[in-house]
Amino acid sequence: MTTRLSTKGQVVIPASARRRLRLNPGDQLSIELGSVRDRTLILRGPGPDDLEQRLAKGAEWLRRQRISLVESLHRDRERERISEKNRRRP
């Protein structure tokens, strides 16, 4: 499959490729340059490794902030219960 570079420097990914790769508007793609001689450009969407890295980064941030995710979730859920009870009172 081939495509062209527009005068604005944009590349259109053919619809069949977007469907097959399940790409949606706004998806972030990583660019990997192949051989300069071949003028190869490889676009990669986020994969399982990217997700694991993001989760690890988030967990590290929580640890540095001394925030317990479980305790925060319990507190938020308790606030929601209280709020729900108050809304149901006549």
N, C-alpha and C. Protein backbone atom coordinates (compact mmCIF):
# COMPACT_ATOMS: atom_id res chain seq x y z
N MET A 1 0.84 -1.17 0.00
CA MET A 1 0.00 0.00 0.00
C MET A 1 0.89 1.24 0.00
N THR A 2 0.55 2.20 -0.80
CA THR A 2 1.32 3.44 -0.84
C THR A 2 0.37 4.63 -0.69
N THR A 3 0.95 5.77 -0.35
CA THR A 3 0.19 7.00 -0.23
C THR A 3 1.12 8.15 -0.63
N ARG A 4 0.61 9.33 -0.68
CA ARG A 4 1.42 10.48 -1.09
C ARG A 4 1.49 11.50 0.05
N LEU A 5 2.53 12.30 0.01
CA LEU A 5 2.71 13.41 0.93
C LEU A 5 2.07 14.64 0.32
N SER A 6 1.21 15.31 1.08
CA SER A 6 0.54 16.50 0.54
C SER A 6 1.50 17.69 0.56
N THR A 7 1.08 18.78 -0.07
CA THR A 7 1.90 20.00 -0.08
C THR A 7 2.02 20.58 1.32
N LYS A 8 1.11 20.20 2.22
CA LYS A 8 1.16 20.66 3.61
C LYS A 8 1.97 19.72 4.50
N GLY A 9 2.56 18.67 3.91
CA GLY A 9 3.36 17.72 4.69
C GLY A 9 2.53 16.67 5.40
N GLN A 10 1.28 16.52 4.99
CA GLN A 10 0.40 15.54 5.62
C GLN A 10 0.37 14.25 4.81
N VAL A 11 0.20 13.15 5.54
CA VAL A 11 0.11 11.84 4.91
C VAL A 11 -1.28 11.28 5.20
N VAL A 12 -1.94 10.80 4.17
CA VAL A 12 -3.25 10.18 4.35
C VAL A 12 -3.05 8.68 4.46
N ILE A 13 -3.56 8.10 5.55
CA ILE A 13 -3.53 6.65 5.70
C ILE A 13 -4.81 6.13 5.04
N PRO A 14 -4.68 5.26 4.06
CA PRO A 14 -5.87 4.77 3.36
C PRO A 14 -6.91 4.19 4.32
N ALA A 15 -8.18 4.38 3.98
CA ALA A 15 -9.28 3.94 4.85
C ALA A 15 -9.19 2.46 5.16
N SER A 16 -8.83 1.64 4.18
CA SER A 16 -8.75 0.20 4.42
C SER A 16 -7.69 -0.12 5.49
N ALA A 17 -6.58 0.62 5.48
CA ALA A 17 -5.54 0.41 6.49
C ALA A 17 -6.02 0.89 7.86
N ARG A 18 -6.71 2.05 7.88
CA ARG A 18 -7.24 2.57 9.16
C ARG A 18 -8.23 1.59 9.78
N ARG A 19 -9.09 1.03 8.94
CA ARG A 19 -10.07 0.05 9.47
C ARG A 19 -9.36 -1.19 9.99
N ARG A 20 -8.43 -1.70 9.21
CA ARG A 20 -7.72 -2.93 9.60
C ARG A 20 -6.93 -2.74 10.90
N LEU A 21 -6.35 -1.55 11.08
CA LEU A 21 -5.56 -1.26 12.27
C LEU A 21 -6.39 -0.66 13.40
N ARG A 22 -7.69 -0.45 13.12
CA ARG A 22 -8.61 0.14 14.10
C ARG A 22 -8.11 1.49 14.60
N LEU A 23 -7.68 2.33 13.65
CA LEU A 23 -7.22 3.67 13.98
C LEU A 23 -8.40 4.63 13.95
N ASN A 24 -8.42 5.54 14.89
CA ASN A 24 -9.49 6.53 15.00
C ASN A 24 -8.89 7.92 15.02
N PRO A 25 -9.67 8.93 14.62
CA PRO A 25 -9.16 10.30 14.69
C PRO A 25 -8.69 10.61 16.11
N GLY A 26 -7.54 11.23 16.21
CA GLY A 26 -6.98 11.59 17.51
C GLY A 26 -6.04 10.54 18.09
N ASP A 27 -6.00 9.33 17.52
CA ASP A 27 -5.06 8.32 18.00
C ASP A 27 -3.64 8.82 17.81
N GLN A 28 -2.79 8.56 18.79
CA GLN A 28 -1.40 8.95 18.68
C GLN A 28 -0.62 7.82 18.00
N LEU A 29 0.25 8.20 17.10
CA LEU A 29 1.08 7.24 16.39
C LEU A 29 2.54 7.61 16.58
N SER A 30 3.38 6.62 16.82
CA SER A 30 4.82 6.84 16.91
C SER A 30 5.40 6.71 15.51
N ILE A 31 6.41 7.52 15.24
CA ILE A 31 7.06 7.49 13.94
C ILE A 31 8.43 6.84 14.10
N GLU A 32 8.69 5.86 13.27
CA GLU A 32 9.99 5.21 13.26
C GLU A 32 10.55 5.35 11.85
N LEU A 33 11.75 5.88 11.75
CA LEU A 33 12.36 6.07 10.45
C LEU A 33 13.20 4.86 10.09
N GLY A 34 12.95 4.34 8.91
CA GLY A 34 13.76 3.23 8.40
C GLY A 34 14.95 3.80 7.66
N SER A 35 15.37 3.12 6.67
CA SER A 35 16.51 3.53 5.86
C SER A 35 16.20 4.83 5.14
N VAL A 36 17.14 5.78 5.19
CA VAL A 36 16.96 7.05 4.48
C VAL A 36 16.95 6.79 2.97
N ARG A 37 17.75 5.83 2.55
CA ARG A 37 17.84 5.52 1.12
C ARG A 37 16.49 5.00 0.61
N ASP A 38 15.84 4.16 1.40
CA ASP A 38 14.54 3.60 1.00
C ASP A 38 13.39 4.54 1.28
N ARG A 39 13.65 5.61 2.06
CA ARG A 39 12.61 6.55 2.46
C ARG A 39 11.44 5.83 3.11
N THR A 40 11.76 5.00 4.09
CA THR A 40 10.75 4.21 4.79
C THR A 40 10.32 4.92 6.06
N LEU A 41 9.03 5.01 6.26
CA LEU A 41 8.44 5.62 7.45
C LEU A 41 7.48 4.61 8.04
N ILE A 42 7.65 4.27 9.31
CA ILE A 42 6.78 3.30 9.96
C ILE A 42 6.00 4.02 11.05
N LEU A 43 4.69 3.90 11.01
CA LEU A 43 3.83 4.48 12.04
C LEU A 43 3.35 3.37 12.95
N ARG A 44 3.47 3.58 14.22
CA ARG A 44 3.03 2.57 15.19
C ARG A 44 2.04 3.20 16.17
N GLY A 45 0.97 2.49 16.40
CA GLY A 45 0.01 2.90 17.41
C GLY A 45 0.46 2.37 18.75
N PRO A 46 -0.17 2.81 19.82
CA PRO A 46 0.21 2.33 21.14
C PRO A 46 -0.05 0.83 21.26
N GLY A 47 0.89 0.12 21.82
CA GLY A 47 0.76 -1.32 22.00
C GLY A 47 0.75 -1.67 23.48
N PRO A 48 0.75 -2.95 23.80
CA PRO A 48 0.71 -3.39 25.20
C PRO A 48 1.88 -2.84 26.03
N ASP A 49 3.06 -2.75 25.42
CA ASP A 49 4.21 -2.22 26.16
C ASP A 49 4.00 -0.77 26.54
N ASP A 50 3.41 0.01 25.63
CA ASP A 50 3.14 1.41 25.93
C ASP A 50 2.18 1.54 27.10
N LEU A 51 1.16 0.70 27.13
CA LEU A 51 0.19 0.74 28.21
C LEU A 51 0.85 0.39 29.54
N GLU A 52 1.68 -0.64 29.54
CA GLU A 52 2.38 -1.02 30.77
C GLU A 52 3.28 0.10 31.26
N GLN A 53 3.96 0.77 30.34
CA GLN A 53 4.83 1.89 30.73
C GLN A 53 4.02 3.03 31.33
N ARG A 54 2.88 3.32 30.74
CA ARG A 54 2.03 4.39 31.27
C ARG A 54 1.49 4.05 32.64
N LEU A 55 1.08 2.79 32.83
CA LEU A 55 0.59 2.36 34.14
C LEU A 55 1.69 2.44 35.19
N ALA A 56 2.89 2.01 34.82
CA ALA A 56 4.02 2.06 35.74
C ALA A 56 4.34 3.51 36.11
N LYS A 57 4.29 4.40 35.12
CA LYS A 57 4.56 5.82 35.37
C LYS A 57 3.51 6.40 36.32
N GLY A 58 2.24 6.04 36.11
CA GLY A 58 1.17 6.51 36.99
C GLY A 58 1.32 5.97 38.40
N ALA A 59 1.67 4.70 38.52
CA ALA A 59 1.86 4.09 39.84
C ALA A 59 3.02 4.76 40.57
N GLU A 60 4.08 5.07 39.84
CA GLU A 60 5.23 5.75 40.45
C GLU A 60 4.84 7.15 40.93
N TRP A 61 4.02 7.86 40.13
CA TRP A 61 3.57 9.19 40.53
C TRP A 61 2.74 9.09 41.81
N LEU A 62 1.83 8.13 41.88
CA LEU A 62 1.01 7.94 43.08
C LEU A 62 1.89 7.66 44.30
N ARG A 63 2.91 6.81 44.10
CA ARG A 63 3.81 6.47 45.20
C ARG A 63 4.56 7.71 45.69
N ARG A 64 5.07 8.52 44.75
CA ARG A 64 5.80 9.74 45.12
C ARG A 64 4.89 10.74 45.84
N GLN A 65 3.63 10.78 45.44
CA GLN A 65 2.67 11.69 46.07
C GLN A 65 2.13 11.13 47.38
N ARG A 66 2.51 9.91 47.68
CA ARG A 66 2.04 9.21 48.89
C ARG A 66 0.51 9.10 48.89
N ILE A 67 0.00 8.74 47.73
CA ILE A 67 -1.44 8.57 47.57
C ILE A 67 -1.73 7.09 47.41
N SER A 68 -2.65 6.60 48.23
CA SER A 68 -3.09 5.21 48.09
C SER A 68 -4.30 5.20 47.16
N LEU A 69 -4.13 4.55 46.03
CA LEU A 69 -5.21 4.50 45.05
C LEU A 69 -6.45 3.82 45.64
N VAL A 70 -6.25 2.74 46.37
CA VAL A 70 -7.38 2.01 46.96
C VAL A 70 -8.12 2.88 47.97
N GLU A 71 -7.37 3.56 48.84
CA GLU A 71 -8.01 4.43 49.83
C GLU A 71 -8.75 5.58 49.16
N SER A 72 -8.16 6.15 48.12
CA SER A 72 -8.82 7.23 47.39
C SER A 72 -10.12 6.77 46.76
N LEU A 73 -10.10 5.58 46.18
CA LEU A 73 -11.31 5.03 45.58
C LEU A 73 -12.39 4.79 46.62
N HIS A 74 -12.00 4.28 47.78
CA HIS A 74 -12.97 4.05 48.86
C HIS A 74 -13.57 5.37 49.35
N ARG A 75 -12.72 6.40 49.52
CA ARG A 75 -13.23 7.71 49.96
C ARG A 75 -14.19 8.29 48.93
N ASP A 76 -13.82 8.21 47.65
CA ASP A 76 -14.69 8.73 46.59
C ASP A 76 -16.02 7.99 46.56
N ARG A 77 -15.96 6.69 46.70
CA ARG A 77 -17.20 5.89 46.68
C ARG A 77 -18.09 6.24 47.86
N GLU A 78 -17.50 6.44 49.03
CA GLU A 78 -18.27 6.82 50.22
C GLU A 78 -18.93 8.19 50.01
N ARG A 79 -18.20 9.14 49.42
CA ARG A 79 -18.78 10.46 49.11
C ARG A 79 -19.96 10.31 48.15
N GLU A 80 -19.82 9.44 47.17
CA GLU A 80 -20.91 9.21 46.22
C GLU A 80 -22.13 8.61 46.92
N ARG A 81 -21.92 7.69 47.84
CA ARG A 81 -23.05 7.09 48.59
C ARG A 81 -23.79 8.16 49.38
N ILE A 82 -23.04 9.01 50.05
CA ILE A 82 -23.65 10.08 50.85
C ILE A 82 -24.41 11.04 49.94
N SER A 83 -23.80 11.40 48.84
CA SER A 83 -24.44 12.30 47.89
C SER A 83 -25.73 11.69 47.34
N GLU A 84 -25.69 10.41 47.02
CA GLU A 84 -26.87 9.71 46.51
C GLU A 84 -27.99 9.68 47.55
N LYS A 85 -27.64 9.43 48.81
CA LYS A 85 -28.64 9.42 49.88
C LYS A 85 -29.30 10.79 50.00
N ASN A 86 -28.48 11.85 49.94
CA ASN A 86 -29.02 13.21 50.05
C ASN A 86 -29.93 13.56 48.91
N ARG A 87 -29.64 13.07 47.74
CA ARG A 87 -30.50 13.34 46.56
C ARG A 87 -31.84 12.62 46.68
N ARG A 88 -31.86 11.46 47.30
CA ARG A 88 -33.09 10.66 47.41
C ARG A 88 -34.01 11.12 48.52
N ARG A 89 -33.50 11.92 49.46
CA ARG A 89 -34.34 12.38 50.57
C ARG A 89 -35.39 13.33 50.07
N PRO A 90 -36.66 13.16 50.53
CA PRO A 90 -37.73 14.07 50.10
C PRO A 90 -37.65 15.42 50.75
